[in-house]
Amino acid sequence: MTGKERERVIPITTDTRTLEQCRKDMVNNLERKQKNTSGDLAKVDGKPTCCHNWDDEVNRWIQEAYNRWNEDMGRMSRDIFALVVSSCVYTFCD
């Protein structure tokens, strides 16, 4: 270290929910927002400004979130290994 480094404080926010609960809340909120939208497009001079069907797009995102979650959980369960706490303490010296 050159002595020019400054200490940085990085704020950490903790969430008591599990990863699965956070993901479920995220997808549920997305689904709820999707159901509440009217699907109307903003109009200029009586014509829609965009003709893209966002409802189908959001539904696809929701389905992909479910699929990705299932793939990730399956991969984690196949590749997981147990971590065991060691009673030994190792110190490394120069």
PDB file of N, CA and C in Angstrom:
ATOM      1  N   MET A   1       0.844  -1.180   0.000  1.00  0.00           N
ATOM      2  CA  MET A   1       0.000   0.000   0.000  1.00  0.00           C
ATOM      3  C   MET A   1       0.883   1.235   0.000  1.00  0.00           C
ATOM      4  N   THR A   2       0.465   2.228  -0.717  1.00  0.00           N
ATOM      5  CA  THR A   2       1.261   3.446  -0.826  1.00  0.00           C
ATOM      6  C   THR A   2       0.870   4.496   0.203  1.00  0.00           C
ATOM      7  N   GLY A   3      -0.174   4.288   0.929  1.00  0.00           N
ATOM      8  CA  GLY A   3      -0.628   5.261   1.910  1.00  0.00           C
ATOM      9  C   GLY A   3      -1.582   6.284   1.328  1.00  0.00           C
ATOM     10  N   LYS A   4      -1.796   6.230   0.014  1.00  0.00           N
ATOM     11  CA  LYS A   4      -2.704   7.177  -0.628  1.00  0.00           C
ATOM     12  C   LYS A   4      -4.138   6.650  -0.674  1.00  0.00           C
ATOM     13  N   GLU A   5      -4.311   5.385  -0.339  1.00  0.00           N
ATOM     14  CA  GLU A   5      -5.641   4.809  -0.363  1.00  0.00           C
ATOM     15  C   GLU A   5      -6.483   5.400   0.756  1.00  0.00           C
ATOM     16  N   ARG A   6      -7.744   5.616   0.456  1.00  0.00           N
ATOM     17  CA  ARG A   6      -8.661   6.129   1.461  1.00  0.00           C
ATOM     18  C   ARG A   6      -9.640   5.033   1.847  1.00  0.00           C
ATOM     19  N   GLU A   7     -10.063   5.069   3.074  1.00  0.00           N
ATOM     20  CA  GLU A   7     -11.057   4.111   3.531  1.00  0.00           C
ATOM     21  C   GLU A   7     -12.391   4.470   2.902  1.00  0.00           C
ATOM     22  N   ARG A   8     -13.068   3.476   2.396  1.00  0.00           N
ATOM     23  CA  ARG A   8     -14.375   3.694   1.790  1.00  0.00           C
ATOM     24  C   ARG A   8     -15.428   2.975   2.613  1.00  0.00           C
ATOM     25  N   VAL A   9     -16.496   3.669   2.852  1.00  0.00           N
ATOM     26  CA  VAL A   9     -17.610   3.075   3.581  1.00  0.00           C
ATOM     27  C   VAL A   9     -18.686   2.725   2.562  1.00  0.00           C
ATOM     28  N   ILE A  10     -19.030   1.473   2.527  1.00  0.00           N
ATOM     29  CA  ILE A  10     -20.054   1.007   1.603  1.00  0.00           C
ATOM     30  C   ILE A  10     -21.271   0.614   2.432  1.00  0.00           C
ATOM     31  N   PRO A  11     -22.380   1.332   2.257  1.00  0.00           N
ATOM     32  CA  PRO A  11     -23.572   0.995   3.036  1.00  0.00           C
ATOM     33  C   PRO A  11     -24.139  -0.352   2.592  1.00  0.00           C
ATOM     34  N   ILE A  12     -24.531  -1.144   3.552  1.00  0.00           N
ATOM     35  CA  ILE A  12     -25.088  -2.460   3.266  1.00  0.00           C
ATOM     36  C   ILE A  12     -26.495  -2.508   3.822  1.00  0.00           C
ATOM     37  N   THR A  13     -27.436  -2.839   2.958  1.00  0.00           N
ATOM     38  CA  THR A  13     -28.808  -3.013   3.412  1.00  0.00           C
ATOM     39  C   THR A  13     -29.108  -4.501   3.405  1.00  0.00           C
ATOM     40  N   THR A  14     -29.672  -4.970   4.473  1.00  0.00           N
ATOM     41  CA  THR A  14     -29.980  -6.389   4.572  1.00  0.00           C
ATOM     42  C   THR A  14     -31.478  -6.597   4.400  1.00  0.00           C
ATOM     43  N   ASP A  15     -31.823  -7.739   3.897  1.00  0.00           N
ATOM     44  CA  ASP A  15     -33.214  -8.114   3.689  1.00  0.00           C
ATOM     45  C   ASP A  15     -33.411  -9.448   4.383  1.00  0.00           C
ATOM     46  N   THR A  16     -34.419  -9.522   5.219  1.00  0.00           N
ATOM     47  CA  THR A  16     -34.639 -10.754   5.979  1.00  0.00           C
ATOM     48  C   THR A  16     -35.287 -11.838   5.126  1.00  0.00           C
ATOM     49  N   ARG A  17     -35.758 -11.463   3.934  1.00  0.00           N
ATOM     50  CA  ARG A  17     -36.391 -12.450   3.065  1.00  0.00           C
ATOM     51  C   ARG A  17     -35.333 -13.336   2.406  1.00  0.00           C
ATOM     52  N   THR A  18     -35.750 -14.543   2.059  1.00  0.00           N
ATOM     53  CA  THR A  18     -34.853 -15.441   1.338  1.00  0.00           C
ATOM     54  C   THR A  18     -34.819 -15.036  -0.129  1.00  0.00           C
ATOM     55  N   LEU A  19     -33.860 -15.588  -0.855  1.00  0.00           N
ATOM     56  CA  LEU A  19     -33.755 -15.322  -2.286  1.00  0.00           C
ATOM     57  C   LEU A  19     -35.040 -15.726  -2.997  1.00  0.00           C
ATOM     58  N   GLU A  20     -35.595 -16.853  -2.604  1.00  0.00           N
ATOM     59  CA  GLU A  20     -36.826 -17.331  -3.231  1.00  0.00           C
ATOM     60  C   GLU A  20     -37.984 -16.376  -2.965  1.00  0.00           C
ATOM     61  N   GLN A  21     -38.085 -15.848  -1.738  1.00  0.00           N
ATOM     62  CA  GLN A  21     -39.149 -14.899  -1.414  1.00  0.00           C
ATOM     63  C   GLN A  21     -38.988 -13.604  -2.210  1.00  0.00           C
ATOM     64  N   CYS A  22     -37.761 -13.110  -2.332  1.00  0.00           N
ATOM     65  CA  CYS A  22     -37.510 -11.883  -3.106  1.00  0.00           C
ATOM     66  C   CYS A  22     -37.895 -12.075  -4.563  1.00  0.00           C
ATOM     67  N   ARG A  23     -37.518 -13.200  -5.132  1.00  0.00           N
ATOM     68  CA  ARG A  23     -37.837 -13.486  -6.526  1.00  0.00           C
ATOM     69  C   ARG A  23     -39.340 -13.623  -6.726  1.00  0.00           C
ATOM     70  N   LYS A  24     -39.999 -14.312  -5.787  1.00  0.00           N
ATOM     71  CA  LYS A  24     -41.449 -14.487  -5.885  1.00  0.00           C
ATOM     72  C   LYS A  24     -42.158 -13.141  -5.809  1.00  0.00           C
ATOM     73  N   ASP A  25     -41.728 -12.280  -4.894  1.00  0.00           N
ATOM     74  CA  ASP A  25     -42.310 -10.938  -4.774  1.00  0.00           C
ATOM     75  C   ASP A  25     -42.110 -10.142  -6.056  1.00  0.00           C
ATOM     76  N   MET A  26     -40.916 -10.236  -6.643  1.00  0.00           N
ATOM     77  CA  MET A  26     -40.628  -9.504  -7.872  1.00  0.00           C
ATOM     78  C   MET A  26     -41.559  -9.941  -9.002  1.00  0.00           C
ATOM     79  N   VAL A  27     -41.705 -11.253  -9.181  1.00  0.00           N
ATOM     80  CA  VAL A  27     -42.547 -11.762 -10.259  1.00  0.00           C
ATOM     81  C   VAL A  27     -44.014 -11.450  -9.982  1.00  0.00           C
ATOM     82  N   ASN A  28     -44.456 -11.590  -8.724  1.00  0.00           N
ATOM     83  CA  ASN A  28     -45.846 -11.276  -8.389  1.00  0.00           C
ATOM     84  C   ASN A  28     -46.157  -9.807  -8.637  1.00  0.00           C
ATOM     85  N   ASN A  29     -45.234  -8.921  -8.284  1.00  0.00           N
ATOM     86  CA  ASN A  29     -45.440  -7.495  -8.536  1.00  0.00           C
ATOM     87  C   ASN A  29     -45.524  -7.215 -10.030  1.00  0.00           C
ATOM     88  N   LEU A  30     -44.678  -7.870 -10.804  1.00  0.00           N
ATOM     89  CA  LEU A  30     -44.704  -7.692 -12.256  1.00  0.00           C
ATOM     90  C   LEU A  30     -46.026  -8.192 -12.831  1.00  0.00           C
ATOM     91  N   GLU A  31     -46.492  -9.351 -12.351  1.00  0.00           N
ATOM     92  CA  GLU A  31     -47.769  -9.881 -12.825  1.00  0.00           C
ATOM     93  C   GLU A  31     -48.924  -8.960 -12.443  1.00  0.00           C
ATOM     94  N   ARG A  32     -48.920  -8.457 -11.209  1.00  0.00           N
ATOM     95  CA  ARG A  32     -49.986  -7.569 -10.742  1.00  0.00           C
ATOM     96  C   ARG A  32     -50.019  -6.283 -11.572  1.00  0.00           C
ATOM     97  N   LYS A  33     -48.853  -5.715 -11.842  1.00  0.00           N
ATOM     98  CA  LYS A  33     -48.797  -4.505 -12.658  1.00  0.00           C
ATOM     99  C   LYS A  33     -49.285  -4.787 -14.069  1.00  0.00           C
ATOM    100  N   GLN A  34     -48.947  -5.962 -14.590  1.00  0.00           N
ATOM    101  CA  GLN A  34     -49.367  -6.327 -15.940  1.00  0.00           C
ATOM    102  C   GLN A  34     -50.884  -6.459 -16.007  1.00  0.00           C
ATOM    103  N   LYS A  35     -51.507  -7.032 -14.976  1.00  0.00           N
ATOM    104  CA  LYS A  35     -52.959  -7.211 -14.968  1.00  0.00           C
ATOM    105  C   LYS A  35     -53.680  -5.879 -14.810  1.00  0.00           C
ATOM    106  N   ASN A  36     -53.057  -4.910 -14.137  1.00  0.00           N
ATOM    107  CA  ASN A  36     -53.695  -3.624 -13.883  1.00  0.00           C
ATOM    108  C   ASN A  36     -53.572  -2.652 -15.045  1.00  0.00           C
ATOM    109  N   THR A  37     -52.689  -2.926 -15.994  1.00  0.00           N
ATOM    110  CA  THR A  37     -52.519  -1.984 -17.102  1.00  0.00           C
ATOM    111  C   THR A  37     -53.670  -2.136 -18.078  1.00  0.00           C
ATOM    112  N   SER A  38     -54.072  -1.030 -18.632  1.00  0.00           N
ATOM    113  CA  SER A  38     -55.196  -1.055 -19.570  1.00  0.00           C
ATOM    114  C   SER A  38     -54.760  -1.512 -20.952  1.00  0.00           C
ATOM    115  N   GLY A  39     -53.493  -1.371 -21.258  1.00  0.00           N
ATOM    116  CA  GLY A  39     -52.999  -1.754 -22.570  1.00  0.00           C
ATOM    117  C   GLY A  39     -53.202  -0.674 -23.610  1.00  0.00           C
ATOM    118  N   ASP A  40     -53.780   0.464 -23.209  1.00  0.00           N
ATOM    119  CA  ASP A  40     -53.996   1.559 -24.153  1.00  0.00           C
ATOM    120  C   ASP A  40     -52.676   2.239 -24.470  1.00  0.00           C
ATOM    121  N   LEU A  41     -52.513   2.602 -25.719  1.00  0.00           N
ATOM    122  CA  LEU A  41     -51.323   3.312 -26.152  1.00  0.00           C
ATOM    123  C   LEU A  41     -51.623   4.797 -26.217  1.00  0.00           C
ATOM    124  N   ALA A  42     -50.617   5.598 -25.970  1.00  0.00           N
ATOM    125  CA  ALA A  42     -50.793   7.042 -26.105  1.00  0.00           C
ATOM    126  C   ALA A  42     -51.057   7.361 -27.570  1.00  0.00           C
ATOM    127  N   LYS A  43     -51.997   8.276 -27.814  1.00  0.00           N
ATOM    128  CA  LYS A  43     -52.360   8.589 -29.190  1.00  0.00           C
ATOM    129  C   LYS A  43     -51.980  10.019 -29.533  1.00  0.00           C
ATOM    130  N   VAL A  44     -51.519  10.173 -30.738  1.00  0.00           N
ATOM    131  CA  VAL A  44     -51.217  11.488 -31.277  1.00  0.00           C
ATOM    132  C   VAL A  44     -52.036  11.626 -32.551  1.00  0.00           C
ATOM    133  N   ASP A  45     -52.905  12.624 -32.598  1.00  0.00           N
ATOM    134  CA  ASP A  45     -53.784  12.843 -33.751  1.00  0.00           C
ATOM    135  C   ASP A  45     -54.602  11.596 -34.076  1.00  0.00           C
ATOM    136  N   GLY A  46     -55.057  10.903 -33.048  1.00  0.00           N
ATOM    137  CA  GLY A  46     -55.902   9.736 -33.255  1.00  0.00           C
ATOM    138  C   GLY A  46     -55.156   8.476 -33.633  1.00  0.00           C
ATOM    139  N   LYS A  47     -53.834   8.535 -33.721  1.00  0.00           N
ATOM    140  CA  LYS A  47     -53.050   7.360 -34.101  1.00  0.00           C
ATOM    141  C   LYS A  47     -52.165   6.932 -32.930  1.00  0.00           C
ATOM    142  N   PRO A  48     -52.046   5.644 -32.691  1.00  0.00           N
ATOM    143  CA  PRO A  48     -51.139   5.199 -31.627  1.00  0.00           C
ATOM    144  C   PRO A  48     -49.691   5.540 -31.976  1.00  0.00           C
ATOM    145  N   THR A  49     -48.914   5.899 -30.949  1.00  0.00           N
ATOM    146  CA  THR A  49     -47.513   6.248 -31.192  1.00  0.00           C
ATOM    147  C   THR A  49     -46.656   5.014 -31.409  1.00  0.00           C
ATOM    148  N   CYS A  50     -47.171   3.881 -31.011  1.00  0.00           N
ATOM    149  CA  CYS A  50     -46.403   2.639 -31.139  1.00  0.00           C
ATOM    150  C   CYS A  50     -47.383   1.508 -31.388  1.00  0.00           C
ATOM    151  N   CYS A  51     -46.992   0.568 -32.175  1.00  0.00           N
ATOM    152  CA  CYS A  51     -47.893  -0.549 -32.446  1.00  0.00           C
ATOM    153  C   CYS A  51     -47.381  -1.848 -31.831  1.00  0.00           C
ATOM    154  N   HIS A  52     -46.354  -1.764 -31.009  1.00  0.00           N
ATOM    155  CA  HIS A  52     -45.793  -2.960 -30.374  1.00  0.00           C
ATOM    156  C   HIS A  52     -46.722  -3.442 -29.265  1.00  0.00           C
ATOM    157  N   ASN A  53     -46.941  -4.728 -29.179  1.00  0.00           N
ATOM    158  CA  ASN A  53     -47.816  -5.292 -28.156  1.00  0.00           C
ATOM    159  C   ASN A  53     -46.999  -5.585 -26.903  1.00  0.00           C
ATOM    160  N   TRP A  54     -47.008  -4.656 -25.961  1.00  0.00           N
ATOM    161  CA  TRP A  54     -46.213  -4.801 -24.747  1.00  0.00           C
ATOM    162  C   TRP A  54     -46.788  -5.844 -23.806  1.00  0.00           C
ATOM    163  N   ASP A  55     -48.089  -6.111 -23.878  1.00  0.00           N
ATOM    164  CA  ASP A  55     -48.678  -7.130 -23.010  1.00  0.00           C
ATOM    165  C   ASP A  55     -48.037  -8.488 -23.270  1.00  0.00           C
ATOM    166  N   ASP A  56     -47.900  -8.837 -24.539  1.00  0.00           N
ATOM    167  CA  ASP A  56     -47.254 -10.111 -24.881  1.00  0.00           C
ATOM    168  C   ASP A  56     -45.799 -10.127 -24.441  1.00  0.00           C
ATOM    169  N   GLU A  57     -45.141  -8.987 -24.574  1.00  0.00           N
ATOM    170  CA  GLU A  57     -43.729  -8.882 -24.191  1.00  0.00           C
ATOM    171  C   GLU A  57     -43.555  -9.086 -22.684  1.00  0.00           C
ATOM    172  N   VAL A  58     -44.394  -8.441 -21.889  1.00  0.00           N
ATOM    173  CA  VAL A  58     -44.293  -8.578 -20.431  1.00  0.00           C
ATOM    174  C   VAL A  58     -44.646  -9.999 -20.015  1.00  0.00           C
ATOM    175  N   ASN A  59     -45.656 -10.587 -20.630  1.00  0.00           N
ATOM    176  CA  ASN A  59     -46.001 -11.977 -20.320  1.00  0.00           C
ATOM    177  C   ASN A  59     -44.836 -12.910 -20.636  1.00  0.00           C
ATOM    178  N   ARG A  60     -44.139 -12.624 -21.727  1.00  0.00           N
ATOM    179  CA  ARG A  60     -42.962 -13.434 -22.085  1.00  0.00           C
ATOM    180  C   ARG A  60     -41.865 -13.265 -21.043  1.00  0.00           C
ATOM    181  N   TRP A  61     -41.663 -12.027 -20.561  1.00  0.00           N
ATOM    182  CA  TRP A  61     -40.657 -11.777 -19.521  1.00  0.00           C
ATOM    183  C   TRP A  61     -40.991 -12.554 -18.254  1.00  0.00           C
ATOM    184  N   ILE A  62     -42.271 -12.542 -17.870  1.00  0.00           N
ATOM    185  CA  ILE A  62     -42.692 -13.265 -16.664  1.00  0.00           C
ATOM    186  C   ILE A  62     -42.415 -14.752 -16.829  1.00  0.00           C
ATOM    187  N   GLN A  63     -42.800 -15.311 -17.985  1.00  0.00           N
ATOM    188  CA  GLN A  63     -42.578 -16.733 -18.223  1.00  0.00           C
ATOM    189  C   GLN A  63     -41.089 -17.063 -18.230  1.00  0.00           C
ATOM    190  N   GLU A  64     -40.283 -16.208 -18.830  1.00  0.00           N
ATOM    191  CA  GLU A  64     -38.841 -16.437 -18.840  1.00  0.00           C
ATOM    192  C   GLU A  64     -38.247 -16.344 -17.438  1.00  0.00           C
ATOM    193  N   ALA A  65     -38.801 -15.471 -16.589  1.00  0.00           N
ATOM    194  CA  ALA A  65     -38.325 -15.383 -15.204  1.00  0.00           C
ATOM    195  C   ALA A  65     -38.599 -16.690 -14.473  1.00  0.00           C
ATOM    196  N   TYR A  66     -39.790 -17.257 -14.678  1.00  0.00           N
ATOM    197  CA  TYR A  66     -40.106 -18.554 -14.073  1.00  0.00           C
ATOM    198  C   TYR A  66     -39.166 -19.638 -14.595  1.00  0.00           C
ATOM    199  N   ASN A  67     -38.986 -19.671 -15.915  1.00  0.00           N
ATOM    200  CA  ASN A  67     -38.125 -20.698 -16.511  1.00  0.00           C
ATOM    201  C   ASN A  67     -36.688 -20.577 -16.022  1.00  0.00           C
ATOM    202  N   ARG A  68     -36.166 -19.359 -15.986  1.00  0.00           N
ATOM    203  CA  ARG A  68     -34.784 -19.149 -15.549  1.00  0.00           C
ATOM    204  C   ARG A  68     -34.613 -19.556 -14.092  1.00  0.00           C
ATOM    205  N   TRP A  69     -35.601 -19.198 -13.254  1.00  0.00           N
ATOM    206  CA  TRP A  69     -35.545 -19.565 -11.839  1.00  0.00           C
ATOM    207  C   TRP A  69     -35.501 -21.083 -11.693  1.00  0.00           C
ATOM    208  N   ASN A  70     -36.368 -21.784 -12.408  1.00  0.00           N
ATOM    209  CA  ASN A  70     -36.391 -23.241 -12.318  1.00  0.00           C
ATOM    210  C   ASN A  70     -35.071 -23.846 -12.793  1.00  0.00           C
ATOM    211  N   GLU A  71     -34.514 -23.309 -13.866  1.00  0.00           N
ATOM    212  CA  GLU A  71     -33.217 -23.791 -14.353  1.00  0.00           C
ATOM    213  C   GLU A  71     -32.120 -23.551 -13.320  1.00  0.00           C
ATOM    214  N   ASP A  72     -32.089 -22.353 -12.748  1.00  0.00           N
ATOM    215  CA  ASP A  72     -31.058 -22.023 -11.760  1.00  0.00           C
ATOM    216  C   ASP A  72     -31.181 -22.886 -10.514  1.00  0.00           C
ATOM    217  N   MET A  73     -32.398 -23.082 -10.026  1.00  0.00           N
ATOM    218  CA  MET A  73     -32.591 -23.903  -8.829  1.00  0.00           C
ATOM    219  C   MET A  73     -32.214 -25.355  -9.104  1.00  0.00           C
ATOM    220  N   GLY A  74     -32.541 -25.852 -10.289  1.00  0.00           N
ATOM    221  CA  GLY A  74     -32.158 -27.215 -10.648  1.00  0.00           C
ATOM    222  C   GLY A  74     -30.652 -27.370 -10.725  1.00  0.00           C
ATOM    223  N   ARG A  75     -29.993 -26.382 -11.328  1.00  0.00           N
ATOM    224  CA  ARG A  75     -28.536 -26.420 -11.439  1.00  0.00           C
ATOM    225  C   ARG A  75     -27.894 -26.328 -10.055  1.00  0.00           C
ATOM    226  N   MET A  76     -28.433 -25.472  -9.191  1.00  0.00           N
ATOM    227  CA  MET A  76     -27.869 -25.341  -7.842  1.00  0.00           C
ATOM    228  C   MET A  76     -28.018 -26.639  -7.060  1.00  0.00           C
ATOM    229  N   SER A  77     -29.169 -27.281  -7.167  1.00  0.00           N
ATOM    230  CA  SER A  77     -29.370 -28.517  -6.406  1.00  0.00           C
ATOM    231  C   SER A  77     -28.471 -29.637  -6.918  1.00  0.00           C
ATOM    232  N   ARG A  78     -28.150 -29.626  -8.209  1.00  0.00           N
ATOM    233  CA  ARG A  78     -27.242 -30.644  -8.749  1.00  0.00           C
ATOM    234  C   ARG A  78     -25.795 -30.370  -8.384  1.00  0.00           C
ATOM    235  N   ASP A  79     -25.410 -29.093  -8.347  1.00  0.00           N
ATOM    236  CA  ASP A  79     -24.006 -28.728  -8.185  1.00  0.00           C
ATOM    237  C   ASP A  79     -23.629 -28.314  -6.768  1.00  0.00           C
ATOM    238  N   ILE A  80     -24.563 -28.367  -5.840  1.00  0.00           N
ATOM    239  CA  ILE A  80     -24.290 -27.856  -4.493  1.00  0.00           C
ATOM    240  C   ILE A  80     -23.433 -28.852  -3.705  1.00  0.00           C
ATOM    241  N   PHE A  81     -22.665 -28.340  -2.821  1.00  0.00           N
ATOM    242  CA  PHE A  81     -21.887 -29.184  -1.930  1.00  0.00           C
ATOM    243  C   PHE A  81     -21.956 -28.582  -0.535  1.00  0.00           C
ATOM    244  N   ALA A  82     -21.752 -29.408   0.467  1.00  0.00           N
ATOM    245  CA  ALA A  82     -21.877 -28.951   1.849  1.00  0.00           C
ATOM    246  C   ALA A  82     -20.589 -28.293   2.314  1.00  0.00           C
ATOM    247  N   LEU A  83     -20.723 -27.176   2.990  1.00  0.00           N
ATOM    248  CA  LEU A  83     -19.584 -26.518   3.618  1.00  0.00           C
ATOM    249  C   LEU A  83     -19.594 -26.900   5.094  1.00  0.00           C
ATOM    250  N   VAL A  84     -18.470 -27.353   5.573  1.00  0.00           N
ATOM    251  CA  VAL A  84     -18.363 -27.802   6.954  1.00  0.00           C
ATOM    252  C   VAL A  84     -17.438 -26.858   7.697  1.00  0.00           C
ATOM    253  N   VAL A  85     -17.862 -26.433   8.872  1.00  0.00           N
ATOM    254  CA  VAL A  85     -17.046 -25.541   9.684  1.00  0.00           C
ATOM    255  C   VAL A  85     -15.879 -26.329  10.249  1.00  0.00           C
ATOM    256  N   SER A  86     -14.706 -25.777  10.105  1.00  0.00           N
ATOM    257  CA  SER A  86     -13.511 -26.437  10.600  1.00  0.00           C
ATOM    258  C   SER A  86     -13.199 -25.950  12.006  1.00  0.00           C
ATOM    259  N   SER A  87     -12.762 -26.858  12.848  1.00  0.00           N
ATOM    260  CA  SER A  87     -12.391 -26.469  14.205  1.00  0.00           C
ATOM    261  C   SER A  87     -10.956 -25.954  14.253  1.00  0.00           C
ATOM    262  N   CYS A  88     -10.218 -26.138  13.169  1.00  0.00           N
ATOM    263  CA  CYS A  88      -8.830 -25.685  13.119  1.00  0.00           C
ATOM    264  C   CYS A  88      -8.764 -24.249  12.624  1.00  0.00           C
ATOM    265  N   VAL A  89      -7.828 -23.516  13.151  1.00  0.00           N
ATOM    266  CA  VAL A  89      -7.584 -22.153  12.688  1.00  0.00           C
ATOM    267  C   VAL A  89      -6.184 -22.135  12.102  1.00  0.00           C
ATOM    268  N   TYR A  90      -6.098 -21.708  10.861  1.00  0.00           N
ATOM    269  CA  TYR A  90      -4.808 -21.672  10.200  1.00  0.00           C
ATOM    270  C   TYR A  90      -4.329 -20.238  10.121  1.00  0.00           C
ATOM    271  N   THR A  91      -3.052 -20.040  10.380  1.00  0.00           N
ATOM    272  CA  THR A  91      -2.458 -18.719  10.203  1.00  0.00           C
ATOM    273  C   THR A  91      -1.324 -18.861   9.214  1.00  0.00           C
ATOM    274  N   PHE A  92      -1.210 -17.891   8.369  1.00  0.00           N
ATOM    275  CA  PHE A  92      -0.156 -17.910   7.373  1.00  0.00           C
ATOM    276  C   PHE A  92       0.817 -16.788   7.681  1.00  0.00           C
ATOM    277  N   CYS A  93       2.078 -17.111   7.754  1.00  0.00           N
ATOM    278  CA  CYS A  93       3.107 -16.120   8.041  1.00  0.00           C
ATOM    279  C   CYS A  93       4.061 -16.045   6.860  1.00  0.00           C
ATOM    280  N   ASP A  94       4.684 -14.893   6.715  1.00  0.00           N
ATOM    281  CA  ASP A  94       5.672 -14.724   5.646  1.00  0.00           C
ATOM    282  C   ASP A  94       6.905 -15.536   5.938  1.00  0.00           C
TER     283      ASP A  94
END
